[in-house]
Amino acid sequence: MDLILFSVLLVFLGIILIAVGTILKAKEIEREEEGEGSEEKEGEKKKVKAGGIILIGPVPIVISNDKKLLEVLLVIVVIILVIYLLFYL
């Protein structure tokens, strides 16, 4: 029963984090449109770092376009797998 409660808690935590991230990004875009955002020169481009973790059962697939972000995601995957194993055993 504890594992079911933990799973539901993680789902709700994920939904809350997605909502908070969306709200923060919307506020950032709104600030940039008003001119209060970062003072970036014309023609200057920002480098976007992106990554993701896909878990198919216990098999992780990690995708990233930045080496440091990839290392962070790999640490997160190891932590998730350890938690998974602790609850499974």
Protein backbone atom coordinates (compact mmCIF):
# COMPACT_ATOMS: atom_id res chain seq x y z
CA MET A 1 0.00 0.00 0.00
CA ASP A 2 2.90 2.35 0.71
CA LEU A 3 4.25 1.91 -2.80
CA ILE A 4 0.91 2.92 -4.32
CA LEU A 5 0.77 6.02 -2.12
CA PHE A 6 4.36 6.90 -3.07
CA SER A 7 3.53 6.51 -6.78
CA VAL A 8 0.50 8.76 -6.54
CA LEU A 9 2.54 11.32 -4.60
CA LEU A 10 5.21 11.33 -7.33
CA VAL A 11 2.57 11.83 -10.03
CA PHE A 12 1.10 14.82 -8.21
CA LEU A 13 4.57 16.23 -7.57
CA GLY A 14 5.32 15.95 -11.30
CA ILE A 15 2.09 17.73 -12.22
CA ILE A 16 2.84 20.53 -9.76
CA LEU A 17 6.40 20.94 -11.08
CA ILE A 18 5.14 21.13 -14.67
CA ALA A 19 2.56 23.77 -13.69
CA VAL A 20 5.13 25.85 -11.78
CA GLY A 21 7.61 25.62 -14.66
CA THR A 22 4.96 26.72 -17.16
CA ILE A 23 3.98 29.70 -15.03
CA LEU A 24 7.61 30.77 -14.53
CA LYS A 25 8.35 30.49 -18.25
CA ALA A 26 5.23 32.52 -19.10
CA LYS A 27 6.32 35.26 -16.68
CA GLU A 28 9.82 35.25 -18.17
CA ILE A 29 8.43 35.64 -21.71
CA GLU A 30 6.13 38.43 -20.52
CA ARG A 31 9.08 40.25 -18.90
CA GLU A 32 11.18 39.94 -22.07
CA GLU A 33 8.34 41.38 -24.17
CA GLU A 34 8.16 44.39 -21.85
CA GLY A 35 11.90 44.95 -22.16
CA GLU A 36 12.70 44.18 -18.53
CA GLY A 37 14.41 40.89 -19.31
CA SER A 38 18.02 40.28 -20.15
CA GLU A 39 19.76 43.06 -22.03
CA GLU A 40 20.73 41.05 -25.06
CA LYS A 41 22.22 42.71 -28.12
CA GLU A 42 20.62 42.33 -31.56
CA GLY A 43 21.94 39.35 -33.47
CA GLU A 44 23.29 37.65 -30.36
CA LYS A 45 21.95 34.13 -29.87
CA LYS A 46 21.49 32.19 -26.66
CA LYS A 47 22.62 28.57 -26.51
CA VAL A 48 19.78 26.37 -25.33
CA LYS A 49 20.61 23.34 -23.21
CA ALA A 50 18.05 20.56 -23.30
CA GLY A 51 17.82 17.02 -22.08
CA GLY A 52 15.45 14.32 -21.01
CA ILE A 53 15.11 10.97 -19.34
CA ILE A 54 12.92 8.19 -20.69
CA LEU A 55 12.37 5.20 -18.41
CA ILE A 56 10.97 2.10 -20.05
CA GLY A 57 10.63 -0.15 -17.05
CA PRO A 58 14.06 -0.24 -15.44
CA VAL A 59 15.83 0.68 -18.70
CA PRO A 60 16.84 4.36 -18.85
CA ILE A 61 17.33 6.34 -22.05
CA VAL A 62 19.08 9.68 -21.50
CA ILE A 63 19.12 12.38 -24.18
CA SER A 64 20.99 15.70 -23.98
CA ASN A 65 22.81 18.23 -26.12
CA ASP A 66 25.16 19.36 -23.33
CA LYS A 67 27.80 17.23 -21.60
CA LYS A 68 27.31 18.70 -18.09
CA LEU A 69 23.54 18.35 -18.35
CA LEU A 70 24.01 14.74 -19.49
CA GLU A 71 26.09 14.03 -16.36
CA VAL A 72 23.39 15.54 -14.13
CA LEU A 73 20.70 13.48 -15.85
CA LEU A 74 22.74 10.31 -15.44
CA VAL A 75 23.05 10.98 -11.69
CA ILE A 76 19.27 11.49 -11.53
CA VAL A 77 18.73 8.19 -13.37
CA VAL A 78 21.00 6.34 -10.93
CA ILE A 79 19.10 7.83 -7.97
CA ILE A 80 15.74 6.86 -9.51
CA LEU A 81 16.93 3.32 -10.18
CA VAL A 82 18.26 2.94 -6.62
CA ILE A 83 14.90 4.13 -5.22
CA TYR A 84 13.14 1.73 -7.59
CA LEU A 85 15.27 -1.19 -6.41
CA LEU A 86 14.79 -0.31 -2.73
CA PHE A 87 11.00 -0.32 -3.10
CA TYR A 88 11.00 -3.41 -5.32
CA LEU A 89 13.06 -5.50 -2.94
